Amino acid sequence: MLFTLIGIIAGIIGGMGIGGGSILIPALIFFGHISQKTAQSVNLITFLPIAAVSLIIHTRRGRVRYTAAIFLIVFALIGAIIGSRLAIIIEAYWLRKLFGLFLLIMGIYEFFRMEN
């Protein structure tokens, strides 16, 4: 039941394009008692079907800019290779700290961001 609820919430957030991992990873660590590296791996594998469904829906509504997407995909793949290798060598303690810092910075940014 717990993983069902976590999955639904992460799916809703992921479908909105916010990033389900921002919910999924902390929830798996705190409530599922899963290690940081395992939670990150679970997040990566659950991202695929969530992204596929979201992409289909957003594409049908004409919200995808293909030129920007292709450019971002190429460089995101490079970043993913680098990030995956870093995640293997960085201790879980520091990964947790870095992820928490990232969420804090994004939260502060969103709090103070001015809407157009």
PDB file of N, CA and C in Angstrom:
ATOM      1  N   MET A   1       0.819  -1.189   0.000  1.00  0.00           N
ATOM      2  CA  MET A   1       0.000   0.000   0.000  1.00  0.00           C
ATOM      3  C   MET A   1       0.869   1.261   0.000  1.00  0.00           C
ATOM      4  N   LEU A   2       1.936   1.251   0.781  1.00  0.00           N
ATOM      5  CA  LEU A   2       2.823   2.411   0.862  1.00  0.00           C
ATOM      6  C   LEU A   2       3.471   2.696  -0.482  1.00  0.00           C
ATOM      7  N   PHE A   3       3.994   1.664  -1.130  1.00  0.00           N
ATOM      8  CA  PHE A   3       4.646   1.858  -2.425  1.00  0.00           C
ATOM      9  C   PHE A   3       3.631   2.264  -3.493  1.00  0.00           C
ATOM     10  N   THR A   4       2.383   1.830  -3.351  1.00  0.00           N
ATOM     11  CA  THR A   4       1.334   2.241  -4.277  1.00  0.00           C
ATOM     12  C   THR A   4       1.108   3.745  -4.174  1.00  0.00           C
ATOM     13  N   LEU A   5       0.983   4.239  -2.967  1.00  0.00           N
ATOM     14  CA  LEU A   5       0.770   5.666  -2.733  1.00  0.00           C
ATOM     15  C   LEU A   5       1.968   6.491  -3.210  1.00  0.00           C
ATOM     16  N   ILE A   6       3.164   6.046  -2.888  1.00  0.00           N
ATOM     17  CA  ILE A   6       4.384   6.737  -3.339  1.00  0.00           C
ATOM     18  C   ILE A   6       4.421   6.762  -4.864  1.00  0.00           C
ATOM     19  N   GLY A   7       4.093   5.642  -5.499  1.00  0.00           N
ATOM     20  CA  GLY A   7       4.099   5.558  -6.957  1.00  0.00           C
ATOM     21  C   GLY A   7       3.091   6.501  -7.599  1.00  0.00           C
ATOM     22  N   ILE A   8       1.891   6.577  -7.034  1.00  0.00           N
ATOM     23  CA  ILE A   8       0.864   7.468  -7.584  1.00  0.00           C
ATOM     24  C   ILE A   8       1.301   8.923  -7.476  1.00  0.00           C
ATOM     25  N   ILE A   9       1.794   9.308  -6.325  1.00  0.00           N
ATOM     26  CA  ILE A   9       2.236  10.696  -6.136  1.00  0.00           C
ATOM     27  C   ILE A   9       3.410  11.016  -7.052  1.00  0.00           C
ATOM     28  N   ALA A  10       4.388  10.128  -7.131  1.00  0.00           N
ATOM     29  CA  ALA A  10       5.545  10.352  -8.017  1.00  0.00           C
ATOM     30  C   ALA A  10       5.105  10.410  -9.474  1.00  0.00           C
ATOM     31  N   GLY A  11       4.132   9.576  -9.858  1.00  0.00           N
ATOM     32  CA  GLY A  11       3.618   9.593 -11.226  1.00  0.00           C
ATOM     33  C   GLY A  11       2.915  10.894 -11.561  1.00  0.00           C
ATOM     34  N   ILE A  12       2.122  11.404 -10.632  1.00  0.00           N
ATOM     35  CA  ILE A  12       1.433  12.680 -10.858  1.00  0.00           C
ATOM     36  C   ILE A  12       2.445  13.803 -11.022  1.00  0.00           C
ATOM     37  N   ILE A  13       3.420  13.862 -10.121  1.00  0.00           N
ATOM     38  CA  ILE A  13       4.451  14.904 -10.189  1.00  0.00           C
ATOM     39  C   ILE A  13       5.273  14.750 -11.461  1.00  0.00           C
ATOM     40  N   GLY A  14       5.641  13.521 -11.798  1.00  0.00           N
ATOM     41  CA  GLY A  14       6.411  13.264 -13.019  1.00  0.00           C
ATOM     42  C   GLY A  14       5.634  13.614 -14.267  1.00  0.00           C
ATOM     43  N   GLY A  15       4.350  13.306 -14.278  1.00  0.00           N
ATOM     44  CA  GLY A  15       3.505  13.624 -15.421  1.00  0.00           C
ATOM     45  C   GLY A  15       3.350  15.112 -15.638  1.00  0.00           C
ATOM     46  N   MET A  16       3.481  15.872 -14.563  1.00  0.00           N
ATOM     47  CA  MET A  16       3.406  17.330 -14.663  1.00  0.00           C
ATOM     48  C   MET A  16       4.715  17.926 -15.170  1.00  0.00           C
ATOM     49  N   GLY A  17       5.742  17.084 -15.266  1.00  0.00           N
ATOM     50  CA  GLY A  17       7.033  17.562 -15.752  1.00  0.00           C
ATOM     51  C   GLY A  17       7.919  18.124 -14.661  1.00  0.00           C
ATOM     52  N   ILE A  18       7.515  17.984 -13.423  1.00  0.00           N
ATOM     53  CA  ILE A  18       8.282  18.534 -12.309  1.00  0.00           C
ATOM     54  C   ILE A  18       9.424  17.607 -11.935  1.00  0.00           C
ATOM     55  N   GLY A  19       9.205  16.337 -12.088  1.00  0.00           N
ATOM     56  CA  GLY A  19      10.225  15.350 -11.748  1.00  0.00           C
ATOM     57  C   GLY A  19       9.786  14.513 -10.567  1.00  0.00           C
ATOM     58  N   GLY A  20       9.312  13.321 -10.858  1.00  0.00           N
ATOM     59  CA  GLY A  20       8.833  12.433  -9.815  1.00  0.00           C
ATOM     60  C   GLY A  20       9.905  12.012  -8.835  1.00  0.00           C
ATOM     61  N   GLY A  21      11.168  12.074  -9.270  1.00  0.00           N
ATOM     62  CA  GLY A  21      12.269  11.696  -8.387  1.00  0.00           C
ATOM     63  C   GLY A  21      12.387  12.582  -7.167  1.00  0.00           C
ATOM     64  N   SER A  22      11.908  13.819  -7.277  1.00  0.00           N
ATOM     65  CA  SER A  22      11.965  14.723  -6.128  1.00  0.00           C
ATOM     66  C   SER A  22      11.049  14.238  -5.009  1.00  0.00           C
ATOM     67  N   ILE A  23      10.064  13.427  -5.348  1.00  0.00           N
ATOM     68  CA  ILE A  23       9.187  12.810  -4.353  1.00  0.00           C
ATOM     69  C   ILE A  23       9.615  11.365  -4.103  1.00  0.00           C
ATOM     70  N   LEU A  24       9.886  10.651  -5.177  1.00  0.00           N
ATOM     71  CA  LEU A  24      10.148   9.222  -5.098  1.00  0.00           C
ATOM     72  C   LEU A  24      11.388   8.884  -4.272  1.00  0.00           C
ATOM     73  N   ILE A  25      12.490   9.543  -4.540  1.00  0.00           N
ATOM     74  CA  ILE A  25      13.737   9.208  -3.840  1.00  0.00           C
ATOM     75  C   ILE A  25      13.628   9.435  -2.335  1.00  0.00           C
ATOM     76  N   PRO A  26      13.224  10.634  -1.871  1.00  0.00           N
ATOM     77  CA  PRO A  26      13.099  10.798  -0.410  1.00  0.00           C
ATOM     78  C   PRO A  26      12.074   9.850   0.209  1.00  0.00           C
ATOM     79  N   ALA A  27      10.955   9.609  -0.488  1.00  0.00           N
ATOM     80  CA  ALA A  27       9.932   8.721   0.061  1.00  0.00           C
ATOM     81  C   ALA A  27      10.457   7.299   0.208  1.00  0.00           C
ATOM     82  N   LEU A  28      11.184   6.813  -0.783  1.00  0.00           N
ATOM     83  CA  LEU A  28      11.745   5.465  -0.689  1.00  0.00           C
ATOM     84  C   LEU A  28      12.763   5.350   0.429  1.00  0.00           C
ATOM     85  N   ILE A  29      13.550   6.406   0.622  1.00  0.00           N
ATOM     86  CA  ILE A  29      14.569   6.388   1.679  1.00  0.00           C
ATOM     87  C   ILE A  29      13.921   6.433   3.059  1.00  0.00           C
ATOM     88  N   PHE A  30      13.004   7.392   3.262  1.00  0.00           N
ATOM     89  CA  PHE A  30      12.426   7.592   4.592  1.00  0.00           C
ATOM     90  C   PHE A  30      11.365   6.566   4.960  1.00  0.00           C
ATOM     91  N   PHE A  31      10.482   6.258   4.023  1.00  0.00           N
ATOM     92  CA  PHE A  31       9.371   5.371   4.341  1.00  0.00           C
ATOM     93  C   PHE A  31       9.597   3.931   3.899  1.00  0.00           C
ATOM     94  N   GLY A  32      10.372   3.741   2.840  1.00  0.00           N
ATOM     95  CA  GLY A  32      10.637   2.396   2.342  1.00  0.00           C
ATOM     96  C   GLY A  32      11.908   1.796   2.892  1.00  0.00           C
ATOM     97  N   HIS A  33      12.680   2.617   3.631  1.00  0.00           N
ATOM     98  CA  HIS A  33      13.945   2.176   4.243  1.00  0.00           C
ATOM     99  C   HIS A  33      14.876   1.547   3.210  1.00  0.00           C
ATOM    100  N   ILE A  34      14.991   2.236   2.069  1.00  0.00           N
ATOM    101  CA  ILE A  34      15.847   1.797   0.976  1.00  0.00           C
ATOM    102  C   ILE A  34      17.067   2.707   0.936  1.00  0.00           C
ATOM    103  N   SER A  35      18.214   2.173   0.587  1.00  0.00           N
ATOM    104  CA  SER A  35      19.432   2.981   0.531  1.00  0.00           C
ATOM    105  C   SER A  35      19.333   4.039  -0.567  1.00  0.00           C
ATOM    106  N   GLN A  36      20.141   5.081  -0.443  1.00  0.00           N
ATOM    107  CA  GLN A  36      20.148   6.176  -1.413  1.00  0.00           C
ATOM    108  C   GLN A  36      20.399   5.673  -2.832  1.00  0.00           C
ATOM    109  N   LYS A  37      21.420   4.857  -2.992  1.00  0.00           N
ATOM    110  CA  LYS A  37      21.764   4.376  -4.335  1.00  0.00           C
ATOM    111  C   LYS A  37      20.675   3.483  -4.918  1.00  0.00           C
ATOM    112  N   THR A  38      20.040   2.665  -4.092  1.00  0.00           N
ATOM    113  CA  THR A  38      18.950   1.825  -4.569  1.00  0.00           C
ATOM    114  C   THR A  38      17.745   2.684  -4.937  1.00  0.00           C
ATOM    115  N   ALA A  39      17.446   3.700  -4.120  1.00  0.00           N
ATOM    116  CA  ALA A  39      16.326   4.602  -4.414  1.00  0.00           C
ATOM    117  C   ALA A  39      16.562   5.336  -5.729  1.00  0.00           C
ATOM    118  N   GLN A  40      17.789   5.750  -5.973  1.00  0.00           N
ATOM    119  CA  GLN A  40      18.108   6.418  -7.230  1.00  0.00           C
ATOM    120  C   GLN A  40      17.917   5.463  -8.406  1.00  0.00           C
ATOM    121  N   SER A  41      18.312   4.215  -8.236  1.00  0.00           N
ATOM    122  CA  SER A  41      18.146   3.225  -9.299  1.00  0.00           C
ATOM    123  C   SER A  41      16.674   2.941  -9.572  1.00  0.00           C
ATOM    124  N   VAL A  42      15.880   2.814  -8.512  1.00  0.00           N
ATOM    125  CA  VAL A  42      14.444   2.603  -8.671  1.00  0.00           C
ATOM    126  C   VAL A  42      13.830   3.805  -9.394  1.00  0.00           C
ATOM    127  N   ASN A  43      14.254   5.005  -9.015  1.00  0.00           N
ATOM    128  CA  ASN A  43      13.764   6.220  -9.667  1.00  0.00           C
ATOM    129  C   ASN A  43      14.059   6.186 -11.165  1.00  0.00           C
ATOM    130  N   LEU A  44      15.259   5.780 -11.525  1.00  0.00           N
ATOM    131  CA  LEU A  44      15.634   5.761 -12.936  1.00  0.00           C
ATOM    132  C   LEU A  44      14.786   4.779 -13.738  1.00  0.00           C
ATOM    133  N   ILE A  45      14.513   3.618 -13.176  1.00  0.00           N
ATOM    134  CA  ILE A  45      13.743   2.618 -13.918  1.00  0.00           C
ATOM    135  C   ILE A  45      12.264   2.992 -13.986  1.00  0.00           C
ATOM    136  N   THR A  46      11.739   3.651 -12.938  1.00  0.00           N
ATOM    137  CA  THR A  46      10.338   4.069 -12.975  1.00  0.00           C
ATOM    138  C   THR A  46      10.149   5.291 -13.865  1.00  0.00           C
ATOM    139  N   PHE A  47      11.212   6.023 -14.093  1.00  0.00           N
ATOM    140  CA  PHE A  47      11.137   7.221 -14.936  1.00  0.00           C
ATOM    141  C   PHE A  47      10.753   6.878 -16.372  1.00  0.00           C
ATOM    142  N   LEU A  48      11.214   5.745 -16.869  1.00  0.00           N
ATOM    143  CA  LEU A  48      10.986   5.397 -18.274  1.00  0.00           C
ATOM    144  C   LEU A  48       9.505   5.322 -18.656  1.00  0.00           C
ATOM    145  N   PRO A  49       8.687   4.522 -17.974  1.00  0.00           N
ATOM    146  CA  PRO A  49       7.277   4.484 -18.377  1.00  0.00           C
ATOM    147  C   PRO A  49       6.533   5.785 -18.076  1.00  0.00           C
ATOM    148  N   ILE A  50       6.886   6.456 -16.977  1.00  0.00           N
ATOM    149  CA  ILE A  50       6.245   7.736 -16.657  1.00  0.00           C
ATOM    150  C   ILE A  50       6.551   8.748 -17.753  1.00  0.00           C
ATOM    151  N   ALA A  51       7.805   8.819 -18.164  1.00  0.00           N
ATOM    152  CA  ALA A  51       8.204   9.757 -19.217  1.00  0.00           C
ATOM    153  C   ALA A  51       7.537   9.412 -20.539  1.00  0.00           C
ATOM    154  N   ALA A  52       7.421   8.133 -20.851  1.00  0.00           N
ATOM    155  CA  ALA A  52       6.808   7.719 -22.120  1.00  0.00           C
ATOM    156  C   ALA A  52       5.341   8.156 -22.189  1.00  0.00           C
ATOM    157  N   VAL A  53       4.595   7.906 -21.135  1.00  0.00           N
ATOM    158  CA  VAL A  53       3.181   8.297 -21.107  1.00  0.00           C
ATOM    159  C   VAL A  53       3.051   9.819 -21.165  1.00  0.00           C
ATOM    160  N   SER A  54       3.852  10.511 -20.380  1.00  0.00           N
ATOM    161  CA  SER A  54       3.808  11.980 -20.362  1.00  0.00           C
ATOM    162  C   SER A  54       4.174  12.557 -21.723  1.00  0.00           C
ATOM    163  N   LEU A  55       5.179  11.985 -22.366  1.00  0.00           N
ATOM    164  CA  LEU A  55       5.598  12.461 -23.686  1.00  0.00           C
ATOM    165  C   LEU A  55       4.483  12.294 -24.716  1.00  0.00           C
ATOM    166  N   ILE A  56       3.811  11.172 -24.689  1.00  0.00           N
ATOM    167  CA  ILE A  56       2.697  10.948 -25.618  1.00  0.00           C
ATOM    168  C   ILE A  56       1.610  12.004 -25.411  1.00  0.00           C
ATOM    169  N   ILE A  57       1.247  12.233 -24.182  1.00  0.00           N
ATOM    170  CA  ILE A  57       0.180  13.204 -23.888  1.00  0.00           C
ATOM    171  C   ILE A  57       0.606  14.619 -24.293  1.00  0.00           C
ATOM    172  N   HIS A  58       1.809  15.034 -23.912  1.00  0.00           N
ATOM    173  CA  HIS A  58       2.265  16.390 -24.241  1.00  0.00           C
ATOM    174  C   HIS A  58       2.495  16.568 -25.741  1.00  0.00           C
ATOM    175  N   THR A  59       2.930  15.516 -26.431  1.00  0.00           N
ATOM    176  CA  THR A  59       3.117  15.587 -27.882  1.00  0.00           C
ATOM    177  C   THR A  59       1.771  15.758 -28.584  1.00  0.00           C
ATOM    178  N   ARG A  60       0.777  15.023 -28.147  1.00  0.00           N
ATOM    179  CA  ARG A  60      -0.566  15.133 -28.739  1.00  0.00           C
ATOM    180  C   ARG A  60      -1.143  16.537 -28.576  1.00  0.00           C
ATOM    181  N   ARG A  61      -0.742  17.207 -27.520  1.00  0.00           N
ATOM    182  CA  ARG A  61      -1.245  18.567 -27.275  1.00  0.00           C
ATOM    183  C   ARG A  61      -0.342  19.639 -27.883  1.00  0.00           C
ATOM    184  N   GLY A  62       0.696  19.219 -28.606  1.00  0.00           N
ATOM    185  CA  GLY A  62       1.566  20.164 -29.301  1.00  0.00           C
ATOM    186  C   GLY A  62       2.486  20.971 -28.401  1.00  0.00           C
ATOM    187  N   ARG A  63       2.872  20.403 -27.276  1.00  0.00           N
ATOM    188  CA  ARG A  63       3.699  21.119 -26.307  1.00  0.00           C
ATOM    189  C   ARG A  63       5.177  20.752 -26.359  1.00  0.00           C
ATOM    190  N   VAL A  64       5.583  20.009 -27.366  1.00  0.00           N
ATOM    191  CA  VAL A  64       6.984  19.587 -27.451  1.00  0.00           C
ATOM    192  C   VAL A  64       7.687  20.406 -28.534  1.00  0.00           C
ATOM    193  N   ARG A  65       8.779  21.039 -28.163  1.00  0.00           N
ATOM    194  CA  ARG A  65       9.625  21.756 -29.125  1.00  0.00           C
ATOM    195  C   ARG A  65      10.748  20.802 -29.515  1.00  0.00           C
ATOM    196  N   TYR A  66      10.650  20.227 -30.694  1.00  0.00           N
ATOM    197  CA  TYR A  66      11.559  19.172 -31.110  1.00  0.00           C
ATOM    198  C   TYR A  66      13.001  19.650 -31.244  1.00  0.00           C
ATOM    199  N   THR A  67      13.219  20.847 -31.762  1.00  0.00           N
ATOM    200  CA  THR A  67      14.583  21.358 -31.916  1.00  0.00           C
ATOM    201  C   THR A  67      15.265  21.467 -30.559  1.00  0.00           C
ATOM    202  N   ALA A  68      14.584  22.062 -29.602  1.00  0.00           N
ATOM    203  CA  ALA A  68      15.140  22.195 -28.256  1.00  0.00           C
ATOM    204  C   ALA A  68      15.326  20.821 -27.617  1.00  0.00           C
ATOM    205  N   ALA A  69      14.363  19.927 -27.836  1.00  0.00           N
ATOM    206  CA  ALA A  69      14.428  18.603 -27.231  1.00  0.00           C
ATOM    207  C   ALA A  69      15.631  17.812 -27.728  1.00  0.00           C
ATOM    208  N   ILE A  70      15.880  17.846 -29.021  1.00  0.00           N
ATOM    209  CA  ILE A  70      17.010  17.096 -29.574  1.00  0.00           C
ATOM    210  C   ILE A  70      18.321  17.624 -29.018  1.00  0.00           C
ATOM    211  N   PHE A  71      18.460  18.924 -28.975  1.00  0.00           N
ATOM    212  CA  PHE A  71      19.665  19.545 -28.422  1.00  0.00           C
ATOM    213  C   PHE A  71      19.858  19.129 -26.958  1.00  0.00           C
ATOM    214  N   LEU A  72      18.796  19.203 -26.168  1.00  0.00           N
ATOM    215  CA  LEU A  72      18.886  18.834 -24.753  1.00  0.00           C
ATOM    216  C   LEU A  72      19.165  17.349 -24.567  1.00  0.00           C
ATOM    217  N   ILE A  73      18.563  16.511 -25.398  1.00  0.00           N
ATOM    218  CA  ILE A  73      18.775  15.068 -25.282  1.00  0.00           C
ATOM    219  C   ILE A  73      20.238  14.708 -25.467  1.00  0.00           C
ATOM    220  N   VAL A  74      20.867  15.275 -26.477  1.00  0.00           N
ATOM    221  CA  VAL A  74      22.279  14.971 -26.752  1.00  0.00           C
ATOM    222  C   VAL A  74      23.140  15.310 -25.537  1.00  0.00           C
ATOM    223  N   PHE A  75      22.974  16.513 -25.012  1.00  0.00           N
ATOM    224  CA  PHE A  75      23.825  16.916 -23.895  1.00  0.00           C
ATOM    225  C   PHE A  75      23.398  16.282 -22.574  1.00  0.00           C
ATOM    226  N   ALA A  76      22.105  15.962 -22.427  1.00  0.00           N
ATOM    227  CA  ALA A  76      21.655  15.249 -21.237  1.00  0.00           C
ATOM    228  C   ALA A  76      22.214  13.830 -21.198  1.00  0.00           C
ATOM    229  N   LEU A  77      22.351  13.196 -22.364  1.00  0.00           N
ATOM    230  CA  LEU A  77      22.961  11.865 -22.404  1.00  0.00           C
ATOM    231  C   LEU A  77      24.420  11.913 -21.965  1.00  0.00           C
ATOM    232  N   ILE A  78      25.128  12.937 -22.397  1.00  0.00           N
ATOM    233  CA  ILE A  78      26.518  13.115 -21.951  1.00  0.00           C
ATOM    234  C   ILE A  78      26.549  13.308 -20.439  1.00  0.00           C
ATOM    235  N   GLY A  79      25.655  14.166 -19.946  1.00  0.00           N
ATOM    236  CA  GLY A  79      25.568  14.390 -18.500  1.00  0.00           C
ATOM    237  C   GLY A  79      25.180  13.144 -17.733  1.00  0.00           C
ATOM    238  N   ALA A  80      24.305  12.324 -18.319  1.00  0.00           N
ATOM    239  CA  ALA A  80      23.881  11.088 -17.656  1.00  0.00           C
ATOM    240  C   ALA A  80      25.036  10.104 -17.514  1.00  0.00           C
ATOM    241  N   ILE A  81      25.868  10.044 -18.530  1.00  0.00           N
ATOM    242  CA  ILE A  81      27.038   9.154 -18.454  1.00  0.00           C
ATOM    243  C   ILE A  81      27.968   9.623 -17.339  1.00  0.00           C
ATOM    244  N   ILE A  82      28.224  10.914 -17.314  1.00  0.00           N
ATOM    245  CA  ILE A  82      29.101  11.471 -16.269  1.00  0.00           C
ATOM    246  C   ILE A  82      28.472  11.275 -14.889  1.00  0.00           C
ATOM    247  N   GLY A  83      27.177  11.604 -14.763  1.00  0.00           N
ATOM    248  CA  GLY A  83      26.493  11.473 -13.483  1.00  0.00           C
ATOM    249  C   GLY A  83      26.432  10.045 -12.978  1.00  0.00           C
ATOM    250  N   SER A  84      26.201   9.098 -13.875  1.00  0.00           N
ATOM    251  CA  SER A  84      26.152   7.684 -13.469  1.00  0.00           C
ATOM    252  C   SER A  84      27.494   7.218 -12.930  1.00  0.00           C
ATOM    253  N   ARG A  85      28.533   7.636 -13.595  1.00  0.00           N
ATOM    254  CA  ARG A  85      29.872   7.252 -13.127  1.00  0.00           C
ATOM    255  C   ARG A  85      30.196   7.898 -11.787  1.00  0.00           C
ATOM    256  N   LEU A  86      29.785   9.148 -11.604  1.00  0.00           N
ATOM    257  CA  LEU A  86      29.998   9.826 -10.325  1.00  0.00           C
ATOM    258  C   LEU A  86      29.206   9.149  -9.210  1.00  0.00           C
ATOM    259  N   ALA A  87      27.960   8.753  -9.506  1.00  0.00           N
ATOM    260  CA  ALA A  87      27.117   8.113  -8.493  1.00  0.00           C
ATOM    261  C   ALA A  87      27.709   6.795  -8.011  1.00  0.00           C
ATOM    262  N   ILE A  88      28.448   6.138  -8.875  1.00  0.00           N
ATOM    263  CA  ILE A  88      29.079   4.877  -8.486  1.00  0.00           C
ATOM    264  C   ILE A  88      30.221   5.118  -7.504  1.00  0.00           C
ATOM    265  N   ILE A  89      30.966   6.195  -7.703  1.00  0.00           N
ATOM    266  CA  ILE A  89      32.151   6.408  -6.867  1.00  0.00           C
ATOM    267  C   ILE A  89      31.906   7.280  -5.640  1.00  0.00           C
ATOM    268  N   ILE A  90      30.816   8.064  -5.634  1.00  0.00           N
ATOM    269  CA  ILE A  90      30.522   8.922  -4.484  1.00  0.00           C
ATOM    270  C   ILE A  90      29.769   8.111  -3.437  1.00  0.00           C
ATOM    271  N   GLU A  91      30.139   8.293  -2.174  1.00  0.00           N
ATOM    272  CA  GLU A  91      29.480   7.586  -1.079  1.00  0.00           C
ATOM    273  C   GLU A  91      28.019   8.010  -0.972  1.00  0.00           C
ATOM    274  N   ALA A  92      27.163   7.097  -0.523  1.00  0.00           N
ATOM    275  CA  ALA A  92      25.731   7.363  -0.400  1.00  0.00           C
ATOM    276  C   ALA A  92      25.468   8.562   0.516  1.00  0.00           C
ATOM    277  N   TYR A  93      26.254   8.716   1.562  1.00  0.00           N
ATOM    278  CA  TYR A  93      26.103   9.844   2.485  1.00  0.00           C
ATOM    279  C   TYR A  93      26.173  11.165   1.724  1.00  0.00           C
ATOM    280  N   TRP A  94      27.167  11.300   0.853  1.00  0.00           N
ATOM    281  CA  TRP A  94      27.352  12.542   0.105  1.00  0.00           C
ATOM    282  C   TRP A  94      26.307  12.696  -0.995  1.00  0.00           C
ATOM    283  N   LEU A  95      25.859  11.591  -1.560  1.00  0.00           N
ATOM    284  CA  LEU A  95      24.786  11.667  -2.545  1.00  0.00           C
ATOM    285  C   LEU A  95      23.516  12.227  -1.902  1.00  0.00           C
ATOM    286  N   ARG A  96      23.212  11.762  -0.686  1.00  0.00           N
ATOM    287  CA  ARG A  96      22.051  12.278   0.037  1.00  0.00           C
ATOM    288  C   ARG A  96      22.184  13.769   0.283  1.00  0.00           C
ATOM    289  N   LYS A  97      23.370  14.177   0.712  1.00  0.00           N
ATOM    290  CA  LYS A  97      23.614  15.599   0.984  1.00  0.00           C
ATOM    291  C   LYS A  97      23.485  16.430  -0.285  1.00  0.00           C
ATOM    292  N   LEU A  98      24.058  15.963  -1.377  1.00  0.00           N
ATOM    293  CA  LEU A  98      23.987  16.696  -2.650  1.00  0.00           C
ATOM    294  C   LEU A  98      22.555  16.774  -3.162  1.00  0.00           C
ATOM    295  N   PHE A  99      21.812  15.680  -3.048  1.00  0.00           N
ATOM    296  CA  PHE A  99      20.424  15.668  -3.490  1.00  0.00           C
ATOM    297  C   PHE A  99      19.587  16.622  -2.638  1.00  0.00           C
ATOM    298  N   GLY A 100      19.807  16.598  -1.327  1.00  0.00           N
ATOM    299  CA  GLY A 100      19.098  17.518  -0.435  1.00  0.00           C
ATOM    300  C   GLY A 100      19.411  18.971  -0.755  1.00  0.00           C
ATOM    301  N   LEU A 101      20.678  19.253  -1.031  1.00  0.00           N
ATOM    302  CA  LEU A 101      21.079  20.610  -1.398  1.00  0.00           C
ATOM    303  C   LEU A 101      20.409  21.034  -2.700  1.00  0.00           C
ATOM    304  N   PHE A 102      20.373  20.140  -3.669  1.00  0.00           N
ATOM    305  CA  PHE A 102      19.709  20.419  -4.934  1.00  0.00           C
ATOM    306  C   PHE A 102      18.234  20.749  -4.713  1.00  0.00           C
ATOM    307  N   LEU A 103      17.536  19.942  -3.914  1.00  0.00           N
ATOM    308  CA  LEU A 103      16.121  20.198  -3.645  1.00  0.00           C
ATOM    309  C   LEU A 103      15.929  21.525  -2.915  1.00  0.00           C
ATOM    310  N   LEU A 104      16.819  21.832  -1.993  1.00  0.00           N
ATOM    311  CA  LEU A 104      16.744  23.101  -1.263  1.00  0.00           C
ATOM    312  C   LEU A 104      16.911  24.287  -2.211  1.00  0.00           C
ATOM    313  N   ILE A 105      17.915  24.226  -3.058  1.00  0.00           N
ATOM    314  CA  ILE A 105      18.162  25.314  -4.017  1.00  0.00           C
ATOM    315  C   ILE A 105      16.970  25.475  -4.955  1.00  0.00           C
ATOM    316  N   MET A 106      16.441  24.371  -5.457  1.00  0.00           N
ATOM    317  CA  MET A 106      15.288  24.456  -6.356  1.00  0.00           C
ATOM    318  C   MET A 106      14.058  25.007  -5.633  1.00  0.00           C
ATOM    319  N   GLY A 107      13.880  24.620  -4.382  1.00  0.00           N
ATOM    320  CA  GLY A 107      12.755  25.133  -3.597  1.00  0.00           C
ATOM    321  C   GLY A 107      12.866  26.633  -3.375  1.00  0.00           C
ATOM    322  N   ILE A 108      14.064  27.097  -3.034  1.00  0.00           N
ATOM    323  CA  ILE A 108      14.280  28.532  -2.838  1.00  0.00           C
ATOM    324  C   ILE A 108      14.059  29.279  -4.147  1.00  0.00           C
ATOM    325  N   TYR A 109      14.584  28.743  -5.235  1.00  0.00           N
ATOM    326  CA  TYR A 109      14.408  29.359  -6.547  1.00  0.00           C
ATOM    327  C   TYR A 109      12.921  29.494  -6.879  1.00  0.00           C
ATOM    328  N   GLU A 110      12.169  28.415  -6.716  1.00  0.00           N
ATOM    329  CA  GLU A 110      10.743  28.442  -7.044  1.00  0.00           C
ATOM    330  C   GLU A 110       9.983  29.388  -6.132  1.00  0.00           C
ATOM    331  N   PHE A 111      10.391  29.478  -4.879  1.00  0.00           N
ATOM    332  CA  PHE A 111       9.707  30.353  -3.920  1.00  0.00           C
ATOM    333  C   PHE A 111       9.837  31.827  -4.322  1.00  0.00           C
ATOM    334  N   PHE A 112      11.022  32.205  -4.776  1.00  0.00           N
ATOM    335  CA  PHE A 112      11.278  33.610  -5.090  1.00  0.00           C
ATOM    336  C   PHE A 112      11.139  33.950  -6.581  1.00  0.00           C
ATOM    337  N   ARG A 113      10.881  32.982  -7.422  1.00  0.00           N
ATOM    338  CA  ARG A 113      10.783  33.224  -8.860  1.00  0.00           C
ATOM    339  C   ARG A 113       9.574  34.092  -9.176  1.00  0.00           C
ATOM    340  N   MET A 114       9.807  35.041 -10.035  1.00  0.00           N
ATOM    341  CA  MET A 114       8.727  35.945 -10.470  1.00  0.00           C
ATOM    342  C   MET A 114       8.072  35.355 -11.712  1.00  0.00           C
ATOM    343  N   GLU A 115       6.766  35.268 -11.707  1.00  0.00           N
ATOM    344  CA  GLU A 115       6.024  34.768 -12.870  1.00  0.00           C
ATOM    345  C   GLU A 115       5.915  35.866 -13.910  1.00  0.00           C
ATOM    346  N   ASN A 116       5.897  35.472 -15.173  1.00  0.00           N
ATOM    347  CA  ASN A 116       5.726  36.444 -16.267  1.00  0.00           C
ATOM    348  C   ASN A 116       4.281  36.752 -16.495  1.00  0.00           C
TER     349      ASN A 116
END
